[in-house]
Every structure is written in C-alpha cells, then in structure tokens.
C-alpha cells in the first residue's frame, strides 16, 4: 500500500506548487522534493506532471497572492 498511487483532484497540484513557491523561489526539482518531504513521502509528483504544471502557471502569470485572494473572496461571500 505504500506505493499506492494517489490521484490529486484537478487544480490541486497547481495550488501545492504555488504554496511551495510562495515560501521562496525554487527550481522544479526542489519543488518536487519539498512536496515529497512535507507530505511525509505521500506525494511524489512525476516530472511529466510537475513541469507541465510549472509551465502552465508561468504562462498564465499566476501568483500565490493573486490566487489566494480570489479564493478568499469566494469563501467569504459564498
């Protein structure tokens, strides 16, 4: 069971990446390592998922502050 694959809900990977990058700028490998470390080795994001997500976020110009502010607004008013 330790090697069981966990599928993240859509959009979760982006949020996790942004949270990790909000702490300090890091390259892709460090983001992957940090996610694995903080999740107690539960989340192992393959490069085939991580790098496309990083490129997608970069193309969209999203930042953690912008995204978290929008989510906060929805949670406060919904």
PDB file of N, CA and C in Angstrom:
ATOM      1  N   UNK A   1       0.811  -1.199   0.000  1.00  0.00           N
ATOM      2  CA  UNK A   1       0.000   0.000   0.000  1.00  0.00           C
ATOM      3  C   UNK A   1       0.854   1.263   0.000  1.00  0.00           C
ATOM      4  N   UNK A   2       2.093   1.155   0.439  1.00  0.00           N
ATOM      5  CA  UNK A   2       2.973   2.320   0.500  1.00  0.00           C
ATOM      6  C   UNK A   2       3.223   2.900  -0.888  1.00  0.00           C
ATOM      7  N   UNK A   3       3.161   2.067  -1.932  1.00  0.00           N
ATOM      8  CA  UNK A   3       3.404   2.528  -3.289  1.00  0.00           C
ATOM      9  C   UNK A   3       2.117   2.844  -4.038  1.00  0.00           C
ATOM     10  N   UNK A   4       0.987   2.859  -3.338  1.00  0.00           N
ATOM     11  CA  UNK A   4      -0.296   3.141  -3.972  1.00  0.00           C
ATOM     12  C   UNK A   4      -0.308   4.559  -4.520  1.00  0.00           C
ATOM     13  N   UNK A   5      -0.784   4.682  -5.745  1.00  0.00           N
ATOM     14  CA  UNK A   5      -0.834   5.984  -6.403  1.00  0.00           C
ATOM     15  C   UNK A   5      -2.049   6.764  -5.911  1.00  0.00           C
ATOM     16  N   UNK A   6      -1.839   8.040  -5.630  1.00  0.00           N
ATOM     17  CA  UNK A   6      -2.920   8.924  -5.206  1.00  0.00           C
ATOM     18  C   UNK A   6      -3.135   9.950  -6.306  1.00  0.00           C
ATOM     19  N   UNK A   7      -4.348   9.995  -6.830  1.00  0.00           N
ATOM     20  CA  UNK A   7      -4.676  10.985  -7.853  1.00  0.00           C
ATOM     21  C   UNK A   7      -5.166  12.250  -7.179  1.00  0.00           C
ATOM     22  N   UNK A   8      -4.513  13.365  -7.461  1.00  0.00           N
ATOM     23  CA  UNK A   8      -4.914  14.646  -6.889  1.00  0.00           C
ATOM     24  C   UNK A   8      -6.113  15.195  -7.641  1.00  0.00           C
ATOM     25  N   UNK A   9      -7.046  15.811  -6.943  1.00  0.00           N
ATOM     26  CA  UNK A   9      -8.142  16.483  -7.642  1.00  0.00           C
ATOM     27  C   UNK A   9      -7.588  17.566  -8.564  1.00  0.00           C
ATOM     28  N   UNK A  10      -8.282  17.811  -9.666  1.00  0.00           N
ATOM     29  CA  UNK A  10      -7.825  18.794 -10.640  1.00  0.00           C
ATOM     30  C   UNK A  10      -7.594  20.149  -9.971  1.00  0.00           C
ATOM     31  N   UNK A  11      -6.466  20.762 -10.263  1.00  0.00           N
ATOM     32  CA  UNK A  11      -6.118  22.071  -9.720  1.00  0.00           C
ATOM     33  C   UNK A  11      -5.302  22.005  -8.437  1.00  0.00           C
ATOM     34  N   UNK A  12      -5.304  20.860  -7.774  1.00  0.00           N
ATOM     35  CA  UNK A  12      -4.584  20.729  -6.500  1.00  0.00           C
ATOM     36  C   UNK A  12      -3.081  20.875  -6.691  1.00  0.00           C
ATOM     37  N   UNK A  13      -2.557  20.267  -7.732  1.00  0.00           N
ATOM     38  CA  UNK A  13      -1.114  20.356  -7.977  1.00  0.00           C
ATOM     39  C   UNK A  13      -0.686  21.802  -8.142  1.00  0.00           C
ATOM     40  N   UNK A  14      -1.463  22.579  -8.889  1.00  0.00           N
ATOM     41  CA  UNK A  14      -1.131  23.991  -9.073  1.00  0.00           C
ATOM     42  C   UNK A  14      -1.091  24.717  -7.740  1.00  0.00           C
ATOM     43  N   UNK A  15      -2.081  24.475  -6.897  1.00  0.00           N
ATOM     44  CA  UNK A  15      -2.112  25.129  -5.582  1.00  0.00           C
ATOM     45  C   UNK A  15      -0.917  24.732  -4.724  1.00  0.00           C
ATOM     46  N   UNK A  16      -0.576  23.463  -4.738  1.00  0.00           N
ATOM     47  CA  UNK A  16       0.572  22.997  -3.950  1.00  0.00           C
ATOM     48  C   UNK A  16       1.873  23.628  -4.447  1.00  0.00           C
ATOM     49  N   UNK A  17       2.024  23.691  -5.751  1.00  0.00           N
ATOM     50  CA  UNK A  17       3.221  24.314  -6.329  1.00  0.00           C
ATOM     51  C   UNK A  17       3.300  25.779  -5.924  1.00  0.00           C
ATOM     52  N   UNK A  18       2.194  26.498  -6.058  1.00  0.00           N
ATOM     53  CA  UNK A  18       2.190  27.923  -5.719  1.00  0.00           C
ATOM     54  C   UNK A  18       2.493  28.142  -4.244  1.00  0.00           C
ATOM     55  N   UNK A  19       1.967  27.296  -3.384  1.00  0.00           N
ATOM     56  CA  UNK A  19       2.230  27.431  -1.944  1.00  0.00           C
ATOM     57  C   UNK A  19       3.717  27.235  -1.658  1.00  0.00           C
ATOM     58  N   UNK A  20       4.302  26.236  -2.260  1.00  0.00           N
ATOM     59  CA  UNK A  20       5.734  25.977  -2.051  1.00  0.00           C
ATOM     60  C   UNK A  20       6.570  27.140  -2.584  1.00  0.00           C
ATOM     61  N   UNK A  21       6.206  27.658  -3.743  1.00  0.00           N
ATOM     62  CA  UNK A  21       6.968  28.766  -4.329  1.00  0.00           C
ATOM     63  C   UNK A  21       6.746  30.085  -3.593  1.00  0.00           C
ATOM     64  N   UNK A  22       5.635  30.198  -2.866  1.00  0.00           N
ATOM     65  CA  UNK A  22       5.380  31.415  -2.090  1.00  0.00           C
ATOM     66  C   UNK A  22       6.380  31.557  -0.956  1.00  0.00           C
ATOM     67  N   UNK A  23       6.906  30.452  -0.493  1.00  0.00           N
ATOM     68  CA  UNK A  23       7.879  30.489   0.597  1.00  0.00           C
ATOM     69  C   UNK A  23       9.228  31.007   0.129  1.00  0.00           C
ATOM     70  N   UNK A  24       9.629  30.577  -1.069  1.00  0.00           N
ATOM     71  CA  UNK A  24      10.878  31.040  -1.664  1.00  0.00           C
ATOM     72  C   UNK A  24      10.970  30.529  -3.097  1.00  0.00           C
ATOM     73  N   UNK A  25      11.623  31.257  -3.980  1.00  0.00           N
ATOM     74  CA  UNK A  25      11.788  30.792  -5.361  1.00  0.00           C
ATOM     75  C   UNK A  25      12.594  29.487  -5.376  1.00  0.00           C
ATOM     76  N   UNK A  26      12.155  28.548  -6.175  1.00  0.00           N
ATOM     77  CA  UNK A  26      12.845  27.262  -6.283  1.00  0.00           C
ATOM     78  C   UNK A  26      12.719  26.742  -7.709  1.00  0.00           C
ATOM     79  N   UNK A  27      13.636  25.884  -8.089  1.00  0.00           N
ATOM     80  CA  UNK A  27      13.532  25.238  -9.390  1.00  0.00           C
ATOM     81  C   UNK A  27      12.643  23.998  -9.250  1.00  0.00           C
ATOM     82  N   UNK A  28      12.254  23.415 -10.368  1.00  0.00           N
ATOM     83  CA  UNK A  28      11.297  22.312 -10.370  1.00  0.00           C
ATOM     84  C   UNK A  28      11.673  21.144  -9.490  1.00  0.00           C
ATOM     85  N   UNK A  29      12.926  20.722  -9.549  1.00  0.00           N
ATOM     86  CA  UNK A  29      13.346  19.570  -8.748  1.00  0.00           C
ATOM     87  C   UNK A  29      13.169  19.867  -7.257  1.00  0.00           C
ATOM     88  N   UNK A  30      13.507  21.060  -6.822  1.00  0.00           N
ATOM     89  CA  UNK A  30      13.362  21.425  -5.408  1.00  0.00           C
ATOM     90  C   UNK A  30      11.892  21.467  -5.002  1.00  0.00           C
ATOM     91  N   UNK A  31      11.017  21.918  -5.904  1.00  0.00           N
ATOM     92  CA  UNK A  31       9.586  21.924  -5.619  1.00  0.00           C
ATOM     93  C   UNK A  31       9.113  20.498  -5.389  1.00  0.00           C
ATOM     94  N   UNK A  32       9.519  19.604  -6.261  1.00  0.00           N
ATOM     95  CA  UNK A  32       9.138  18.197  -6.140  1.00  0.00           C
ATOM     96  C   UNK A  32       9.646  17.588  -4.833  1.00  0.00           C
ATOM     97  N   UNK A  33      10.893  17.849  -4.515  1.00  0.00           N
ATOM     98  CA  UNK A  33      11.488  17.324  -3.278  1.00  0.00           C
ATOM     99  C   UNK A  33      10.791  17.868  -2.037  1.00  0.00           C
ATOM    100  N   UNK A  34      10.486  19.159  -2.051  1.00  0.00           N
ATOM    101  CA  UNK A  34       9.817  19.785  -0.906  1.00  0.00           C
ATOM    102  C   UNK A  34       8.417  19.214  -0.715  1.00  0.00           C
ATOM    103  N   UNK A  35       7.697  19.021  -1.808  1.00  0.00           N
ATOM    104  CA  UNK A  35       6.354  18.463  -1.729  1.00  0.00           C
ATOM    105  C   UNK A  35       6.395  17.049  -1.149  1.00  0.00           C
ATOM    106  N   UNK A  36       7.352  16.284  -1.593  1.00  0.00           N
ATOM    107  CA  UNK A  36       7.518  14.924  -1.087  1.00  0.00           C
ATOM    108  C   UNK A  36       7.872  14.945   0.398  1.00  0.00           C
ATOM    109  N   UNK A  37       8.766  15.832   0.790  1.00  0.00           N
ATOM    110  CA  UNK A  37       9.208  15.935   2.182  1.00  0.00           C
ATOM    111  C   UNK A  37       8.070  16.362   3.093  1.00  0.00           C
ATOM    112  N   UNK A  38       7.359  17.411   2.737  1.00  0.00           N
ATOM    113  CA  UNK A  38       6.306  17.950   3.583  1.00  0.00           C
ATOM    114  C   UNK A  38       5.132  16.974   3.692  1.00  0.00           C
ATOM    115  N   UNK A  39       4.886  16.206   2.643  1.00  0.00           N
ATOM    116  CA  UNK A  39       3.776  15.253   2.660  1.00  0.00           C
ATOM    117  C   UNK A  39       4.166  13.908   3.269  1.00  0.00           C
ATOM    118  N   UNK A  40       5.314  13.867   3.922  1.00  0.00           N
ATOM    119  CA  UNK A  40       5.820  12.624   4.527  1.00  0.00           C
ATOM    120  C   UNK A  40       5.910  11.504   3.495  1.00  0.00           C
ATOM    121  N   UNK A  41       6.389  11.860   2.318  1.00  0.00           N
ATOM    122  CA  UNK A  41       6.649  10.915   1.237  1.00  0.00           C
ATOM    123  C   UNK A  41       5.375  10.336   0.605  1.00  0.00           C
ATOM    124  N   UNK A  42       4.226  10.973   0.858  1.00  0.00           N
ATOM    125  CA  UNK A  42       2.973  10.502   0.263  1.00  0.00           C
ATOM    126  C   UNK A  42       2.828  11.035  -1.156  1.00  0.00           C
ATOM    127  N   UNK A  43       3.182  12.295  -1.375  1.00  0.00           N
ATOM    128  CA  UNK A  43       3.042  12.903  -2.693  1.00  0.00           C
ATOM    129  C   UNK A  43       4.374  12.875  -3.429  1.00  0.00           C
ATOM    130  N   UNK A  44       4.417  12.086  -4.460  1.00  0.00           N
ATOM    131  CA  UNK A  44       5.584  12.023  -5.343  1.00  0.00           C
ATOM    132  C   UNK A  44       5.099  12.422  -6.723  1.00  0.00           C
ATOM    133  N   UNK A  45       5.421  13.628  -7.110  1.00  0.00           N
ATOM    134  CA  UNK A  45       4.918  14.169  -8.359  1.00  0.00           C
ATOM    135  C   UNK A  45       5.910  13.858  -9.476  1.00  0.00           C
ATOM    136  N   UNK A  46       5.487  13.093 -10.472  1.00  0.00           N
ATOM    137  CA  UNK A  46       6.404  12.774 -11.572  1.00  0.00           C
ATOM    138  C   UNK A  46       6.717  14.010 -12.402  1.00  0.00           C
ATOM    139  N   UNK A  47       7.905  14.019 -12.988  1.00  0.00           N
ATOM    140  CA  UNK A  47       8.329  15.156 -13.804  1.00  0.00           C
ATOM    141  C   UNK A  47       7.352  15.425 -14.930  1.00  0.00           C
ATOM    142  N   UNK A  48       6.721  14.368 -15.449  1.00  0.00           N
ATOM    143  CA  UNK A  48       5.763  14.513 -16.534  1.00  0.00           C
ATOM    144  C   UNK A  48       4.510  15.271 -16.131  1.00  0.00           C
ATOM    145  N   UNK A  49       4.285  15.421 -14.833  1.00  0.00           N
ATOM    146  CA  UNK A  49       3.167  16.219 -14.324  1.00  0.00           C
ATOM    147  C   UNK A  49       3.646  17.562 -13.797  1.00  0.00           C
ATOM    148  N   UNK A  50       4.788  17.547 -13.114  1.00  0.00           N
ATOM    149  CA  UNK A  50       5.295  18.749 -12.465  1.00  0.00           C
ATOM    150  C   UNK A  50       5.675  19.850 -13.458  1.00  0.00           C
ATOM    151  N   UNK A  51       6.497  19.508 -14.437  1.00  0.00           N
ATOM    152  CA  UNK A  51       6.997  20.539 -15.343  1.00  0.00           C
ATOM    153  C   UNK A  51       5.910  21.136 -16.236  1.00  0.00           C
ATOM    154  N   UNK A  52       4.971  20.340 -16.757  1.00  0.00           N
ATOM    155  CA  UNK A  52       3.859  20.972 -17.480  1.00  0.00           C
ATOM    156  C   UNK A  52       3.048  21.916 -16.591  1.00  0.00           C
ATOM    157  N   UNK A  53       2.861  21.552 -15.329  1.00  0.00           N
ATOM    158  CA  UNK A  53       2.131  22.433 -14.394  1.00  0.00           C
ATOM    159  C   UNK A  53       2.912  23.725 -14.166  1.00  0.00           C
ATOM    160  N   UNK A  54       4.214  23.625 -13.982  1.00  0.00           N
ATOM    161  CA  UNK A  54       5.039  24.822 -13.794  1.00  0.00           C
ATOM    162  C   UNK A  54       4.972  25.729 -15.022  1.00  0.00           C
ATOM    163  N   UNK A  55       5.064  25.147 -16.205  1.00  0.00           N
ATOM    164  CA  UNK A  55       4.992  25.945 -17.439  1.00  0.00           C
ATOM    165  C   UNK A  55       3.618  26.573 -17.607  1.00  0.00           C
ATOM    166  N   UNK A  56       2.572  25.821 -17.283  1.00  0.00           N
ATOM    167  CA  UNK A  56       1.206  26.350 -17.378  1.00  0.00           C
ATOM    168  C   UNK A  56       1.030  27.550 -16.453  1.00  0.00           C
ATOM    169  N   UNK A  57       1.503  27.426 -15.219  1.00  0.00           N
ATOM    170  CA  UNK A  57       1.397  28.530 -14.264  1.00  0.00           C
ATOM    171  C   UNK A  57       2.193  29.744 -14.728  1.00  0.00           C
ATOM    172  N   UNK A  58       3.356  29.481 -15.271  1.00  0.00           N
ATOM    173  CA  UNK A  58       4.188  30.582 -15.759  1.00  0.00           C
ATOM    174  C   UNK A  58       3.510  31.309 -16.921  1.00  0.00           C
ATOM    175  N   UNK A  59       2.923  30.542 -17.845  1.00  0.00           N
ATOM    176  CA  UNK A  59       2.222  31.155 -18.984  1.00  0.00           C
ATOM    177  C   UNK A  59       1.047  32.007 -18.523  1.00  0.00           C
ATOM    178  N   UNK A  60       0.348  31.542 -17.501  1.00  0.00           N
ATOM    179  CA  UNK A  60      -0.817  32.265 -17.004  1.00  0.00           C
ATOM    180  C   UNK A  60      -0.435  33.454 -16.126  1.00  0.00           C
ATOM    181  N   UNK A  61       0.804  33.480 -15.658  1.00  0.00           N
ATOM    182  CA  UNK A  61       1.259  34.586 -14.832  1.00  0.00           C
ATOM    183  C   UNK A  61       0.635  34.588 -13.443  1.00  0.00           C
ATOM    184  N   UNK A  62       0.161  33.413 -12.985  1.00  0.00           N
ATOM    185  CA  UNK A  62      -0.465  33.329 -11.668  1.00  0.00           C
ATOM    186  C   UNK A  62       0.569  33.482 -10.562  1.00  0.00           C
ATOM    187  N   UNK A  63       0.141  34.098  -9.490  1.00  0.00           N
ATOM    188  CA  UNK A  63       0.960  34.143  -8.276  1.00  0.00           C
ATOM    189  C   UNK A  63       0.119  33.643  -7.126  1.00  0.00           C
ATOM    190  N   UNK A  64       0.763  33.231  -6.069  1.00  0.00           N
ATOM    191  CA  UNK A  64       0.046  32.713  -4.901  1.00  0.00           C
ATOM    192  C   UNK A  64      -0.857  33.781  -4.306  1.00  0.00           C
ATOM    193  N   UNK A  65      -0.376  34.989  -4.206  1.00  0.00           N
ATOM    194  CA  UNK A  65      -1.181  36.058  -3.599  1.00  0.00           C
ATOM    195  C   UNK A  65      -2.456  36.318  -4.389  1.00  0.00           C
ATOM    196  N   UNK A  66      -2.335  36.375  -5.687  1.00  0.00           N
ATOM    197  CA  UNK A  66      -3.487  36.639  -6.546  1.00  0.00           C
ATOM    198  C   UNK A  66      -4.516  35.516  -6.418  1.00  0.00           C
ATOM    199  N   UNK A  67      -4.048  34.296  -6.477  1.00  0.00           N
ATOM    200  CA  UNK A  67      -4.938  33.149  -6.399  1.00  0.00           C
ATOM    201  C   UNK A  67      -5.566  33.015  -5.016  1.00  0.00           C
ATOM    202  N   UNK A  68      -4.772  33.166  -3.973  1.00  0.00           N
ATOM    203  CA  UNK A  68      -5.309  33.014  -2.622  1.00  0.00           C
ATOM    204  C   UNK A  68      -6.304  34.139  -2.284  1.00  0.00           C
ATOM    205  N   UNK A  69      -6.059  35.338  -2.818  1.00  0.00           N
ATOM    206  CA  UNK A  69      -7.004  36.446  -2.592  1.00  0.00           C
ATOM    207  C   UNK A  69      -8.333  36.142  -3.269  1.00  0.00           C
ATOM    208  N   UNK A  70      -8.287  35.602  -4.481  1.00  0.00           N
ATOM    209  CA  UNK A  70      -9.523  35.271  -5.189  1.00  0.00           C
ATOM    210  C   UNK A  70     -10.279  34.165  -4.470  1.00  0.00           C
ATOM    211  N   UNK A  71      -9.571  33.153  -4.000  1.00  0.00           N
ATOM    212  CA  UNK A  71     -10.220  32.063  -3.265  1.00  0.00           C
ATOM    213  C   UNK A  71     -10.806  32.594  -1.964  1.00  0.00           C
ATOM    214  N   UNK A  72     -10.069  33.453  -1.275  1.00  0.00           N
ATOM    215  CA  UNK A  72     -10.557  34.048  -0.022  1.00  0.00           C
ATOM    216  C   UNK A  72     -11.839  34.838  -0.236  1.00  0.00           C
ATOM    217  N   UNK A  73     -11.921  35.577  -1.319  1.00  0.00           N
ATOM    218  CA  UNK A  73     -13.123  36.347  -1.622  1.00  0.00           C
ATOM    219  C   UNK A  73     -14.322  35.433  -1.820  1.00  0.00           C
ATOM    220  N   UNK A  74     -14.107  34.354  -2.533  1.00  0.00           N
ATOM    221  CA  UNK A  74     -15.202  33.401  -2.778  1.00  0.00           C
ATOM    222  C   UNK A  74     -15.642  32.768  -1.461  1.00  0.00           C
ATOM    223  N   UNK A  75     -14.707  32.354  -0.651  1.00  0.00           N
ATOM    224  CA  UNK A  75     -15.056  31.706   0.608  1.00  0.00           C
ATOM    225  C   UNK A  75     -15.785  32.652   1.562  1.00  0.00           C
ATOM    226  N   UNK A  76     -15.452  33.923   1.516  1.00  0.00           N
ATOM    227  CA  UNK A  76     -16.109  34.894   2.399  1.00  0.00           C
ATOM    228  C   UNK A  76     -17.516  35.244   1.953  1.00  0.00           C
ATOM    229  N   UNK A  77     -17.762  35.225   0.641  1.00  0.00           N
ATOM    230  CA  UNK A  77     -19.059  35.668   0.142  1.00  0.00           C
ATOM    231  C   UNK A  77     -19.998  34.540  -0.246  1.00  0.00           C
ATOM    232  N   UNK A  78     -19.496  33.360  -0.442  1.00  0.00           N
ATOM    233  CA  UNK A  78     -20.342  32.250  -0.899  1.00  0.00           C
ATOM    234  C   UNK A  78     -21.222  31.708   0.219  1.00  0.00           C
TER     235      UNK A  78
END
